[in-house]
Structures are given as structure tokens and as C-alpha cells.
């Protein structure tokens, strides 16, 4: 229920009641999904550090925060991301564990959006790896990689064009981080830039 809808239903609401009416409308909007969202729940070993990372990655603060829990619901990304703090060695739930094959991604409309995320991460001194004009998974892409405090790799990318081949010979697409670290290098005359190797693609 929007504010004007609340007043339309009860035009006799006094201005003194406006705060309570807005609070009810705000709660309704928060608890009523306006789109289909993918829900992802991650266990984290350091909630404060993880909240700081994901706030930069997603560009929003958590909409719910408790002592052992945080939730992100960005307006422009169809995701609901929950972070659950688990102490190392806790017997009831699995401890955070990232593998080379595990990664997550956010598709954005343009290379400018990729650059904005890269700059946001850099401003927080979060290490990134950029891949520009690279072919991965049958698409030419601009992307930036970063890892969360528990080692999970995230890519933010835009698709420039579809391709008939899976990857460039110089691409680190689908290579484990350790392999990519030893083989990746900057290509002279190319738009592609490589910094610390993080994650793997697809």
C-alpha cells in the first residue's frame, strides 16, 4: 500500500496520524514482494566483513540486520541474499566453504555499470580482477571479479555479443584460480586487463 492509497482509503486521517500510516505502508511494501526473486542463503564466518563486502558489491545496505543475520534486497537486482553467521566448527550447521567451481554473478546492462561496480569495490580497497572484451561461455563480455571474505567468487558482467566459440585462447574463462594465476598476462594492444586472479567463469 502506497502512502496516497492509505489516505484514499481513509480521507479523514489526521496529519498527526501520518507517521503511523506511513509506517504501516512501509511495512506492507517491505513484506510484499514486487517481483520474483532468487533467494540465496550463505553461511559466513565474519558477518561484519561480509556485510561490508556485499553492501559494496550490490550497492545497498542490508534491509534487515540482526546479531547473526543480514539480508539484502536490492531494488534493481532480482535477488534476496541472506547472510547467516556461523562460528567456525559449529556442529549444527556447515561452516563456510568455497571451491573453485563455485561462483555467483550479476548481469548488468552495460560496461559502464561494470565500471561503476569496479570503482565502488576499489573505493573500499576490495581486490578485483577485470576482464574486458573477453570471450567466455559463448559470449563476448566485460566483467569484474571479486571474492567475499569466505572466498566465494562473484562476477559482475555485461554481454557485448554472442559468439560461436566458447572462449578466447588468452581468456581465463573456466580456469581454476590457481591455474589462471600462473598463466594470465596482459595482452599488448588489447582492451583486456588482468589483476589478481579470482574465481573462475561458468
N, C-alpha and C. Protein backbone atom coordinates (compact mmCIF):
# COMPACT_ATOMS: atom_id res chain seq x y z
N UNK A 1 0.85 -1.18 0.00
CA UNK A 1 0.00 0.00 0.00
C UNK A 1 0.88 1.23 0.00
N UNK A 2 0.70 2.09 -0.97
CA UNK A 2 1.45 3.33 -1.03
C UNK A 2 0.78 4.37 -0.12
N UNK A 3 1.52 5.44 0.17
CA UNK A 3 1.01 6.46 1.09
C UNK A 3 -0.30 7.05 0.59
N UNK A 4 -0.36 7.38 -0.72
CA UNK A 4 -1.57 8.01 -1.22
C UNK A 4 -2.75 7.05 -1.21
N UNK A 5 -2.47 5.73 -1.33
CA UNK A 5 -3.54 4.75 -1.28
C UNK A 5 -4.11 4.66 0.13
N UNK A 6 -3.23 4.78 1.14
CA UNK A 6 -3.69 4.74 2.52
C UNK A 6 -4.63 5.90 2.80
N UNK A 7 -4.28 7.09 2.30
CA UNK A 7 -5.14 8.25 2.51
C UNK A 7 -6.41 8.15 1.69
N UNK A 8 -6.33 7.53 0.50
CA UNK A 8 -7.52 7.39 -0.33
C UNK A 8 -8.55 6.50 0.35
N UNK A 9 -8.07 5.48 1.07
CA UNK A 9 -8.99 4.57 1.76
C UNK A 9 -9.59 5.23 2.99
N UNK A 10 -8.87 6.18 3.58
CA UNK A 10 -9.37 6.85 4.77
C UNK A 10 -9.04 8.34 4.68
N UNK A 11 -9.82 9.12 3.95
CA UNK A 11 -9.52 10.54 3.75
C UNK A 11 -9.61 11.35 5.02
N UNK A 12 -10.12 10.77 6.11
CA UNK A 12 -10.26 11.50 7.37
C UNK A 12 -9.04 11.38 8.26
N UNK A 13 -7.99 10.72 7.76
CA UNK A 13 -6.78 10.57 8.56
C UNK A 13 -6.22 11.95 8.86
N UNK A 14 -5.90 12.21 10.11
CA UNK A 14 -5.34 13.50 10.50
C UNK A 14 -3.84 13.50 10.28
N UNK A 15 -3.27 14.69 10.11
CA UNK A 15 -1.84 14.78 9.89
C UNK A 15 -1.06 14.18 11.06
N UNK A 16 -1.62 14.20 12.23
CA UNK A 16 -0.94 13.62 13.38
C UNK A 16 -0.79 12.12 13.26
N UNK A 17 -1.63 11.50 12.39
CA UNK A 17 -1.56 10.05 12.20
C UNK A 17 -0.67 9.68 11.03
N UNK A 18 -0.12 10.67 10.34
CA UNK A 18 0.62 10.40 9.11
C UNK A 18 1.79 9.45 9.34
N UNK A 19 2.52 9.64 10.44
CA UNK A 19 3.69 8.80 10.70
C UNK A 19 3.30 7.34 10.85
N UNK A 20 2.21 7.07 11.58
CA UNK A 20 1.81 5.68 11.78
C UNK A 20 1.29 5.08 10.48
N UNK A 21 0.56 5.89 9.68
CA UNK A 21 0.06 5.38 8.39
C UNK A 21 1.23 5.05 7.48
N UNK A 22 2.23 5.95 7.43
CA UNK A 22 3.39 5.69 6.58
C UNK A 22 4.14 4.45 7.04
N UNK A 23 4.25 4.23 8.36
CA UNK A 23 4.94 3.06 8.88
C UNK A 23 4.24 1.79 8.43
N UNK A 24 2.89 1.79 8.49
CA UNK A 24 2.15 0.61 8.04
C UNK A 24 2.36 0.38 6.55
N UNK A 25 2.31 1.47 5.78
CA UNK A 25 2.51 1.34 4.34
C UNK A 25 3.92 0.83 4.04
N UNK A 26 4.91 1.33 4.80
CA UNK A 26 6.30 0.92 4.60
C UNK A 26 6.46 -0.56 4.90
N UNK A 27 5.85 -1.02 5.99
CA UNK A 27 5.94 -2.43 6.33
C UNK A 27 5.28 -3.29 5.27
N UNK A 28 4.16 -2.82 4.74
CA UNK A 28 3.46 -3.58 3.69
C UNK A 28 4.34 -3.71 2.46
N UNK A 29 4.99 -2.61 2.07
CA UNK A 29 5.84 -2.65 0.89
C UNK A 29 7.04 -3.55 1.12
N UNK A 30 7.60 -3.54 2.33
CA UNK A 30 8.78 -4.35 2.63
C UNK A 30 8.45 -5.84 2.61
N UNK A 31 7.28 -6.20 3.13
CA UNK A 31 6.95 -7.62 3.29
C UNK A 31 6.20 -8.20 2.11
N UNK A 32 5.82 -7.38 1.14
CA UNK A 32 5.11 -7.86 -0.03
C UNK A 32 6.02 -7.82 -1.24
N UNK A 33 6.43 -8.98 -1.78
CA UNK A 33 7.33 -8.98 -2.94
C UNK A 33 6.69 -8.27 -4.13
N UNK A 34 7.49 -7.47 -4.83
CA UNK A 34 7.00 -6.79 -6.03
C UNK A 34 7.52 -7.45 -7.29
N UNK A 35 8.40 -8.46 -7.14
CA UNK A 35 8.92 -9.19 -8.29
C UNK A 35 9.36 -10.57 -7.82
N UNK A 36 9.55 -11.48 -8.78
CA UNK A 36 10.11 -12.78 -8.45
C UNK A 36 11.60 -12.59 -8.19
N UNK A 37 12.09 -13.13 -7.09
CA UNK A 37 13.50 -13.01 -6.73
C UNK A 37 14.10 -14.38 -6.45
N UNK A 38 15.35 -14.55 -6.81
CA UNK A 38 16.10 -15.74 -6.43
C UNK A 38 16.62 -15.51 -5.01
N UNK A 39 16.35 -16.45 -4.12
CA UNK A 39 16.83 -16.36 -2.75
C UNK A 39 18.10 -17.18 -2.61
N UNK A 40 19.15 -16.56 -2.11
CA UNK A 40 20.42 -17.24 -1.86
C UNK A 40 20.77 -17.03 -0.39
N UNK A 41 21.04 -18.13 0.30
CA UNK A 41 21.44 -18.05 1.71
C UNK A 41 22.87 -18.56 1.84
N UNK A 42 23.75 -17.72 2.37
CA UNK A 42 25.15 -18.06 2.52
C UNK A 42 25.55 -18.06 3.99
N UNK A 43 26.33 -19.05 4.39
CA UNK A 43 26.91 -19.03 5.73
C UNK A 43 28.20 -18.23 5.66
N UNK A 44 28.44 -17.41 6.66
CA UNK A 44 29.63 -16.56 6.67
C UNK A 44 30.32 -16.67 8.03
N UNK A 45 31.63 -16.50 8.02
CA UNK A 45 32.40 -16.62 9.26
C UNK A 45 32.57 -15.28 9.97
N UNK A 46 32.46 -14.19 9.21
CA UNK A 46 32.60 -12.84 9.78
C UNK A 46 31.47 -11.99 9.21
N UNK A 47 30.41 -11.81 10.00
CA UNK A 47 29.22 -11.12 9.48
C UNK A 47 29.51 -9.67 9.13
N UNK A 48 30.23 -8.97 9.99
CA UNK A 48 30.51 -7.56 9.72
C UNK A 48 31.30 -7.39 8.41
N UNK A 49 32.32 -8.21 8.21
CA UNK A 49 33.13 -8.12 6.99
C UNK A 49 32.30 -8.49 5.76
N UNK A 50 31.45 -9.49 5.91
CA UNK A 50 30.61 -9.90 4.78
C UNK A 50 29.57 -8.84 4.42
N UNK A 51 28.98 -8.22 5.43
CA UNK A 51 28.02 -7.15 5.18
C UNK A 51 28.71 -6.00 4.45
N UNK A 52 29.91 -5.66 4.87
CA UNK A 52 30.65 -4.58 4.21
C UNK A 52 30.93 -4.92 2.76
N UNK A 53 31.31 -6.18 2.48
CA UNK A 53 31.60 -6.61 1.11
C UNK A 53 30.35 -6.55 0.24
N UNK A 54 29.26 -7.15 0.71
CA UNK A 54 28.06 -7.22 -0.12
C UNK A 54 27.37 -5.87 -0.27
N UNK A 55 27.53 -5.00 0.70
CA UNK A 55 26.98 -3.66 0.54
C UNK A 55 27.66 -2.94 -0.61
N UNK A 56 28.96 -3.16 -0.78
CA UNK A 56 29.69 -2.57 -1.89
C UNK A 56 29.36 -3.26 -3.20
N UNK A 57 29.30 -4.59 -3.16
CA UNK A 57 29.02 -5.34 -4.40
C UNK A 57 27.63 -5.02 -4.95
N UNK A 58 26.63 -5.00 -4.08
CA UNK A 58 25.25 -4.81 -4.51
C UNK A 58 24.81 -3.35 -4.51
N UNK A 59 25.57 -2.50 -3.86
CA UNK A 59 25.25 -1.09 -3.86
C UNK A 59 24.13 -0.67 -2.93
N UNK A 60 23.80 -1.54 -1.97
CA UNK A 60 22.74 -1.21 -1.00
C UNK A 60 23.14 -1.72 0.38
N UNK A 61 22.57 -1.10 1.40
CA UNK A 61 22.73 -1.60 2.76
C UNK A 61 21.74 -2.74 3.00
N UNK A 62 22.01 -3.61 3.96
CA UNK A 62 21.03 -4.67 4.25
C UNK A 62 19.71 -4.06 4.72
N UNK A 63 18.60 -4.66 4.31
CA UNK A 63 17.30 -4.16 4.75
C UNK A 63 16.88 -4.79 6.08
N UNK A 64 17.61 -5.83 6.50
CA UNK A 64 17.37 -6.43 7.81
C UNK A 64 18.72 -6.86 8.38
N UNK A 65 18.94 -6.55 9.65
CA UNK A 65 20.21 -6.89 10.28
C UNK A 65 19.95 -7.31 11.72
N UNK A 66 20.43 -8.50 12.07
CA UNK A 66 20.35 -8.99 13.43
C UNK A 66 21.76 -9.40 13.87
N UNK A 67 21.88 -9.91 15.08
CA UNK A 67 23.20 -10.26 15.58
C UNK A 67 23.92 -11.30 14.77
N UNK A 68 23.17 -12.26 14.21
CA UNK A 68 23.79 -13.34 13.44
C UNK A 68 23.23 -13.44 12.03
N UNK A 69 22.62 -12.37 11.54
CA UNK A 69 21.90 -12.45 10.27
C UNK A 69 21.86 -11.08 9.58
N UNK A 70 21.93 -11.11 8.26
CA UNK A 70 21.73 -9.89 7.46
C UNK A 70 21.07 -10.28 6.15
N UNK A 71 20.21 -9.39 5.64
CA UNK A 71 19.52 -9.68 4.38
C UNK A 71 19.61 -8.47 3.45
N UNK A 72 19.91 -8.75 2.19
CA UNK A 72 19.97 -7.71 1.16
C UNK A 72 18.87 -7.94 0.14
N UNK A 73 18.13 -6.88 -0.18
CA UNK A 73 17.07 -6.95 -1.20
C UNK A 73 17.22 -5.72 -2.11
N UNK A 74 18.13 -5.77 -3.07
CA UNK A 74 18.34 -4.60 -3.93
C UNK A 74 17.11 -4.31 -4.80
N UNK A 75 16.90 -3.04 -5.09
CA UNK A 75 15.77 -2.66 -5.94
C UNK A 75 15.96 -3.11 -7.38
N UNK A 76 17.22 -3.10 -7.86
CA UNK A 76 17.46 -3.31 -9.28
C UNK A 76 18.06 -4.67 -9.62
N UNK A 77 18.13 -5.58 -8.64
CA UNK A 77 18.63 -6.93 -8.89
C UNK A 77 17.62 -7.92 -8.30
N UNK A 78 17.17 -8.87 -9.08
CA UNK A 78 16.12 -9.80 -8.63
C UNK A 78 16.71 -10.89 -7.75
N UNK A 79 17.22 -10.47 -6.60
CA UNK A 79 17.84 -11.41 -5.68
C UNK A 79 17.49 -11.00 -4.25
N UNK A 80 17.35 -11.99 -3.41
CA UNK A 80 17.27 -11.78 -1.96
C UNK A 80 18.42 -12.58 -1.36
N UNK A 81 19.40 -11.87 -0.84
CA UNK A 81 20.61 -12.52 -0.35
C UNK A 81 20.62 -12.48 1.17
N UNK A 82 20.69 -13.67 1.77
CA UNK A 82 20.73 -13.78 3.23
C UNK A 82 22.11 -14.25 3.67
N UNK A 83 22.64 -13.60 4.70
CA UNK A 83 23.91 -14.00 5.28
C UNK A 83 23.66 -14.51 6.69
N UNK A 84 24.13 -15.73 6.96
CA UNK A 84 23.95 -16.34 8.27
C UNK A 84 25.30 -16.59 8.91
N UNK A 85 25.52 -15.97 10.06
CA UNK A 85 26.80 -16.11 10.72
C UNK A 85 26.89 -17.47 11.41
N UNK A 86 27.95 -18.20 11.11
CA UNK A 86 28.19 -19.50 11.73
C UNK A 86 29.60 -19.51 12.29
N UNK A 87 29.73 -19.78 13.57
CA UNK A 87 31.05 -19.86 14.17
C UNK A 87 31.82 -21.04 13.59
N UNK A 88 33.12 -20.86 13.43
CA UNK A 88 33.96 -21.93 12.91
C UNK A 88 33.85 -23.15 13.81
N UNK A 89 33.58 -24.31 13.18
CA UNK A 89 33.47 -25.55 13.94
C UNK A 89 32.12 -25.78 14.58
N UNK A 90 31.13 -24.92 14.24
CA UNK A 90 29.80 -25.11 14.82
C UNK A 90 29.23 -26.45 14.36
N UNK A 91 28.71 -27.28 15.30
CA UNK A 91 28.28 -28.64 14.94
C UNK A 91 26.94 -28.68 14.22
N UNK A 92 26.10 -27.65 14.36
CA UNK A 92 24.74 -27.76 13.84
C UNK A 92 24.61 -27.34 12.39
N UNK A 93 25.56 -26.53 11.88
CA UNK A 93 25.46 -26.07 10.51
C UNK A 93 26.84 -26.11 9.88
N UNK A 94 26.85 -26.31 8.58
CA UNK A 94 28.12 -26.38 7.89
C UNK A 94 28.86 -25.06 7.91
N UNK A 95 30.15 -25.13 8.09
CA UNK A 95 30.97 -23.93 8.07
C UNK A 95 31.10 -23.43 6.63
N UNK A 96 31.34 -22.13 6.44
CA UNK A 96 31.52 -21.60 5.09
C UNK A 96 32.64 -22.33 4.37
N UNK A 97 32.40 -22.68 3.11
CA UNK A 97 33.42 -23.37 2.34
C UNK A 97 33.24 -23.01 0.87
N UNK A 98 34.25 -22.43 0.28
CA UNK A 98 34.19 -22.07 -1.13
C UNK A 98 35.11 -23.01 -1.92
N UNK A 99 34.72 -23.33 -3.14
CA UNK A 99 35.53 -24.16 -4.01
C UNK A 99 35.75 -23.42 -5.32
N UNK A 100 36.70 -23.90 -6.11
CA UNK A 100 36.99 -23.25 -7.38
C UNK A 100 35.80 -23.28 -8.33
N UNK A 101 34.94 -24.29 -8.19
CA UNK A 101 33.81 -24.42 -9.11
C UNK A 101 32.63 -23.56 -8.70
N UNK A 102 32.67 -22.98 -7.52
CA UNK A 102 31.54 -22.21 -7.02
C UNK A 102 31.75 -20.73 -7.31
N UNK A 103 30.81 -20.16 -8.04
CA UNK A 103 30.84 -18.71 -8.18
C UNK A 103 29.44 -18.21 -8.47
N UNK A 104 29.25 -16.94 -8.24
CA UNK A 104 27.97 -16.29 -8.45
C UNK A 104 28.18 -15.08 -9.35
N UNK A 105 27.11 -14.60 -9.94
CA UNK A 105 27.28 -13.46 -10.83
C UNK A 105 26.06 -12.57 -10.89
N UNK A 106 26.30 -11.34 -11.30
CA UNK A 106 25.24 -10.36 -11.53
C UNK A 106 25.42 -9.83 -12.94
N UNK A 107 24.38 -9.95 -13.76
CA UNK A 107 24.42 -9.43 -15.12
C UNK A 107 23.89 -8.00 -15.10
N UNK A 108 24.65 -7.08 -15.67
CA UNK A 108 24.25 -5.68 -15.69
C UNK A 108 24.09 -5.21 -17.14
N UNK A 109 23.38 -4.10 -17.36
CA UNK A 109 23.06 -3.69 -18.73
C UNK A 109 24.23 -3.22 -19.59
N UNK A 110 25.28 -2.63 -18.98
CA UNK A 110 26.30 -2.01 -19.81
C UNK A 110 27.68 -2.09 -19.17
N UNK A 111 28.70 -1.80 -19.99
CA UNK A 111 30.07 -1.75 -19.48
C UNK A 111 30.24 -0.65 -18.45
N UNK A 112 29.47 0.43 -18.61
CA UNK A 112 29.50 1.50 -17.62
C UNK A 112 29.07 1.02 -16.26
N UNK A 113 28.07 0.12 -16.22
CA UNK A 113 27.62 -0.44 -14.95
C UNK A 113 28.71 -1.31 -14.32
N UNK A 114 29.42 -2.05 -15.17
CA UNK A 114 30.54 -2.86 -14.67
C UNK A 114 31.59 -1.95 -14.04
N UNK A 115 31.90 -0.87 -14.74
CA UNK A 115 32.91 0.07 -14.24
C UNK A 115 32.48 0.70 -12.92
N UNK A 116 31.19 1.00 -12.78
CA UNK A 116 30.72 1.61 -11.55
C UNK A 116 30.88 0.65 -10.36
N UNK A 117 30.59 -0.63 -10.59
CA UNK A 117 30.78 -1.62 -9.52
C UNK A 117 32.26 -1.76 -9.20
N UNK A 118 33.09 -1.80 -10.24
CA UNK A 118 34.54 -1.90 -10.03
C UNK A 118 35.04 -0.73 -9.19
N UNK A 119 34.60 0.46 -9.51
CA UNK A 119 35.04 1.65 -8.76
C UNK A 119 34.54 1.62 -7.32
N UNK A 120 33.31 1.11 -7.14
CA UNK A 120 32.74 1.03 -5.79
C UNK A 120 33.55 0.06 -4.93
N UNK A 121 33.95 -1.06 -5.52
CA UNK A 121 34.75 -2.03 -4.79
C UNK A 121 36.14 -1.48 -4.50
N UNK A 122 36.73 -0.81 -5.50
CA UNK A 122 38.07 -0.25 -5.33
C UNK A 122 38.09 0.81 -4.24
N UNK A 123 37.02 1.58 -4.14
CA UNK A 123 36.94 2.63 -3.12
C UNK A 123 36.96 2.04 -1.71
N UNK A 124 36.55 0.76 -1.60
CA UNK A 124 36.57 0.08 -0.30
C UNK A 124 37.80 -0.81 -0.16
N UNK A 125 38.77 -0.65 -1.08
CA UNK A 125 40.02 -1.44 -1.06
C UNK A 125 39.77 -2.93 -1.18
N UNK A 126 38.75 -3.30 -1.95
CA UNK A 126 38.45 -4.71 -2.22
C UNK A 126 39.14 -5.10 -3.52
N UNK A 127 39.95 -6.16 -3.49
CA UNK A 127 40.69 -6.60 -4.67
C UNK A 127 39.74 -7.06 -5.76
N UNK A 128 40.04 -6.70 -6.99
CA UNK A 128 39.22 -7.10 -8.13
C UNK A 128 40.11 -7.61 -9.26
N UNK A 129 39.49 -8.32 -10.17
CA UNK A 129 40.16 -8.70 -11.42
C UNK A 129 39.25 -8.31 -12.56
N UNK A 130 39.73 -7.53 -13.49
CA UNK A 130 38.92 -7.08 -14.62
C UNK A 130 39.23 -7.90 -15.87
N UNK A 131 38.20 -8.19 -16.63
CA UNK A 131 38.34 -8.83 -17.93
C UNK A 131 37.46 -8.05 -18.90
N UNK A 132 38.10 -7.36 -19.84
CA UNK A 132 37.37 -6.56 -20.80
C UNK A 132 37.47 -7.15 -22.19
N UNK A 133 36.35 -7.14 -22.91
CA UNK A 133 36.31 -7.66 -24.28
C UNK A 133 36.84 -9.09 -24.34
N UNK A 134 36.43 -9.89 -23.38
CA UNK A 134 36.88 -11.28 -23.31
C UNK A 134 35.74 -12.21 -23.69
N UNK A 135 36.07 -13.33 -24.31
CA UNK A 135 35.05 -14.31 -24.69
C UNK A 135 35.03 -15.42 -23.65
N UNK A 136 33.86 -15.64 -23.07
CA UNK A 136 33.66 -16.69 -22.07
C UNK A 136 32.25 -17.23 -22.22
N UNK A 137 32.13 -18.54 -22.23
CA UNK A 137 30.81 -19.19 -22.31
C UNK A 137 30.00 -18.67 -23.50
N UNK A 138 30.65 -18.63 -24.66
CA UNK A 138 29.99 -18.29 -25.93
C UNK A 138 29.43 -16.87 -25.95
N UNK A 139 30.10 -15.96 -25.26
CA UNK A 139 29.67 -14.56 -25.27
C UNK A 139 30.87 -13.66 -25.04
N UNK A 140 30.89 -12.53 -25.75
CA UNK A 140 31.92 -11.52 -25.52
C UNK A 140 31.44 -10.62 -24.39
N UNK A 141 32.29 -10.43 -23.39
CA UNK A 141 31.85 -9.78 -22.16
C UNK A 141 32.89 -8.78 -21.63
N UNK A 142 32.40 -7.81 -20.89
CA UNK A 142 33.23 -7.01 -19.99
C UNK A 142 32.80 -7.42 -18.59
N UNK A 143 33.78 -7.66 -17.70
CA UNK A 143 33.41 -8.15 -16.37
C UNK A 143 34.44 -7.76 -15.34
N UNK A 144 34.03 -7.85 -14.10
CA UNK A 144 34.94 -7.66 -12.97
C UNK A 144 34.64 -8.75 -11.94
N UNK A 145 35.71 -9.30 -11.37
CA UNK A 145 35.60 -10.35 -10.36
C UNK A 145 36.00 -9.81 -9.00
N UNK A 146 35.38 -10.35 -7.96
CA UNK A 146 35.80 -10.08 -6.58
C UNK A 146 35.42 -11.29 -5.74
N UNK A 147 36.07 -11.45 -4.60
CA UNK A 147 35.73 -12.56 -3.71
C UNK A 147 35.26 -12.03 -2.36
N UNK A 148 34.31 -12.73 -1.77
CA UNK A 148 33.82 -12.32 -0.46
C UNK A 148 34.79 -12.80 0.62
N UNK A 149 34.61 -12.41 1.87
CA UNK A 149 35.58 -12.77 2.92
C UNK A 149 35.75 -14.27 3.13
N UNK A 150 34.78 -15.08 2.66
CA UNK A 150 34.91 -16.53 2.81
C UNK A 150 35.40 -17.20 1.53
N UNK A 151 35.83 -16.41 0.55
CA UNK A 151 36.44 -16.96 -0.65
C UNK A 151 35.49 -17.27 -1.79
N UNK A 152 34.25 -16.85 -1.69
CA UNK A 152 33.30 -17.08 -2.80
C UNK A 152 33.53 -16.05 -3.89
N UNK A 153 33.62 -16.52 -5.11
CA UNK A 153 33.88 -15.63 -6.23
C UNK A 153 32.57 -15.08 -6.80
N UNK A 154 32.57 -13.78 -7.08
CA UNK A 154 31.44 -13.10 -7.72
C UNK A 154 31.93 -12.38 -8.96
N UNK A 155 31.17 -12.49 -10.04
CA UNK A 155 31.47 -11.70 -11.22
C UNK A 155 30.29 -10.77 -11.51
N UNK A 156 30.61 -9.56 -11.91
CA UNK A 156 29.62 -8.61 -12.39
C UNK A 156 29.98 -8.36 -13.85
N UNK A 157 29.06 -8.65 -14.76
CA UNK A 157 29.42 -8.60 -16.17
C UNK A 157 28.28 -8.13 -17.06
N UNK A 158 28.66 -7.70 -18.25
CA UNK A 158 27.69 -7.36 -19.28
C UNK A 158 28.05 -8.13 -20.54
N UNK A 159 27.06 -8.55 -21.28
CA UNK A 159 27.28 -9.29 -22.53
C UNK A 159 27.27 -8.31 -23.69
N UNK A 160 28.38 -8.28 -24.42
CA UNK A 160 28.52 -7.38 -25.57
C UNK A 160 28.00 -8.01 -26.85
N UNK A 161 28.17 -9.34 -26.97
CA UNK A 161 27.75 -10.03 -28.20
C UNK A 161 27.84 -11.53 -27.96
N UNK A 162 27.07 -12.30 -28.71
CA UNK A 162 27.19 -13.75 -28.69
C UNK A 162 28.32 -14.17 -29.62
N UNK A 163 28.93 -15.31 -29.34
CA UNK A 163 30.00 -15.83 -30.18
C UNK A 163 29.75 -17.30 -30.48
N UNK A 164 30.44 -17.80 -31.50
CA UNK A 164 30.33 -19.21 -31.86
C UNK A 164 31.35 -20.07 -31.11
N UNK A 165 32.36 -19.46 -30.53
CA UNK A 165 33.37 -20.23 -29.79
C UNK A 165 33.23 -19.94 -28.30
N UNK A 166 33.61 -20.91 -27.50
CA UNK A 166 33.39 -20.84 -26.07
C UNK A 166 34.23 -19.78 -25.38
N UNK A 167 35.51 -19.69 -25.78
CA UNK A 167 36.41 -18.78 -25.08
C UNK A 167 37.58 -18.40 -25.96
N UNK A 168 38.22 -17.26 -25.65
CA UNK A 168 39.46 -16.86 -26.31
C UNK A 168 40.61 -17.72 -25.81
N UNK A 169 41.63 -17.84 -26.62
CA UNK A 169 42.80 -18.62 -26.20
C UNK A 169 43.51 -17.95 -25.03
N UNK A 170 43.35 -16.63 -24.91
CA UNK A 170 44.01 -15.91 -23.81
C UNK A 170 43.08 -15.71 -22.61
N UNK A 171 41.84 -16.20 -22.70
CA UNK A 171 40.86 -15.99 -21.64
C UNK A 171 41.13 -16.92 -20.47
N UNK A 172 40.79 -16.46 -19.26
CA UNK A 172 40.88 -17.32 -18.08
C UNK A 172 39.53 -17.96 -17.79
N UNK A 173 38.61 -17.89 -18.73
CA UNK A 173 37.26 -18.45 -18.56
C UNK A 173 37.35 -19.92 -18.16
N UNK A 174 36.64 -20.26 -17.11
CA UNK A 174 36.50 -21.65 -16.65
C UNK A 174 37.81 -22.27 -16.16
N UNK A 175 38.80 -21.46 -15.89
CA UNK A 175 40.03 -21.98 -15.29
C UNK A 175 39.99 -21.77 -13.79
N UNK A 176 40.42 -22.76 -13.02
CA UNK A 176 40.54 -22.55 -11.58
C UNK A 176 41.46 -21.38 -11.30
N UNK A 177 41.26 -20.74 -10.17
CA UNK A 177 42.03 -19.53 -9.84
C UNK A 177 43.52 -19.80 -9.84
N UNK A 178 43.93 -20.97 -9.31
CA UNK A 178 45.36 -21.27 -9.22
C UNK A 178 45.98 -21.41 -10.59
N UNK A 179 45.24 -22.04 -11.54
CA UNK A 179 45.76 -22.19 -12.90
C UNK A 179 45.81 -20.84 -13.60
N UNK A 180 44.77 -20.04 -13.39
CA UNK A 180 44.70 -18.75 -14.05
C UNK A 180 45.82 -17.84 -13.58
N UNK A 181 46.19 -17.95 -12.30
CA UNK A 181 47.22 -17.08 -11.74
C UNK A 181 48.56 -17.31 -12.43
N UNK A 182 48.83 -18.55 -12.81
CA UNK A 182 50.13 -18.85 -13.39
C UNK A 182 50.18 -18.56 -14.88
N UNK A 183 49.00 -18.49 -15.54
CA UNK A 183 49.01 -18.37 -16.99
C UNK A 183 48.57 -17.02 -17.52
N UNK A 184 47.83 -16.25 -16.70
CA UNK A 184 47.26 -15.00 -17.20
C UNK A 184 48.32 -13.91 -17.31
N UNK A 185 48.19 -13.09 -18.34
CA UNK A 185 49.09 -11.95 -18.53
C UNK A 185 48.38 -10.91 -19.34
N UNK A 186 48.79 -9.69 -19.24
CA UNK A 186 48.19 -8.62 -20.03
C UNK A 186 48.58 -8.81 -21.49
N UNK A 187 47.65 -8.53 -22.39
CA UNK A 187 47.89 -8.66 -23.82
C UNK A 187 48.09 -7.29 -24.43
N UNK A 188 49.23 -7.07 -25.06
CA UNK A 188 49.56 -5.76 -25.62
C UNK A 188 48.57 -5.41 -26.72
N UNK A 189 48.06 -4.17 -26.68
CA UNK A 189 47.14 -3.70 -27.70
C UNK A 189 45.73 -4.19 -27.50
N UNK A 190 45.47 -4.88 -26.41
CA UNK A 190 44.13 -5.41 -26.14
C UNK A 190 43.46 -4.57 -25.08
N UNK A 191 42.12 -4.62 -25.06
CA UNK A 191 41.38 -3.94 -24.02
C UNK A 191 41.40 -4.74 -22.73
N UNK A 192 41.85 -5.99 -22.80
CA UNK A 192 41.77 -6.89 -21.67
C UNK A 192 42.80 -6.55 -20.62
N UNK A 193 42.39 -6.44 -19.36
CA UNK A 193 43.34 -6.18 -18.30
C UNK A 193 43.18 -7.24 -17.23
N UNK A 194 44.32 -7.67 -16.66
CA UNK A 194 44.28 -8.73 -15.67
C UNK A 194 45.00 -8.27 -14.42
N UNK A 195 44.34 -8.42 -13.27
CA UNK A 195 44.96 -8.18 -11.99
C UNK A 195 44.80 -9.42 -11.14
N UNK A 196 44.81 -9.39 -9.82
CA UNK A 196 44.78 -10.64 -9.04
C UNK A 196 43.70 -11.60 -9.49
N UNK A 197 44.08 -12.85 -9.67
CA UNK A 197 43.15 -13.85 -10.21
C UNK A 197 42.15 -14.28 -9.15
N UNK A 198 40.87 -14.20 -9.50
CA UNK A 198 39.82 -14.51 -8.53
C UNK A 198 38.77 -15.37 -9.23
N UNK A 199 38.54 -16.54 -8.68
CA UNK A 199 37.41 -17.32 -9.16
C UNK A 199 37.62 -17.95 -10.52
N UNK A 200 36.54 -18.39 -11.10
CA UNK A 200 36.54 -18.97 -12.43
C UNK A 200 35.20 -18.70 -13.05
N UNK A 201 35.12 -18.78 -14.33
CA UNK A 201 33.86 -18.48 -15.01
C UNK A 201 33.09 -19.75 -15.32
N UNK A 202 31.82 -19.71 -15.10
CA UNK A 202 30.84 -20.68 -15.61
C UNK A 202 31.23 -22.11 -15.40
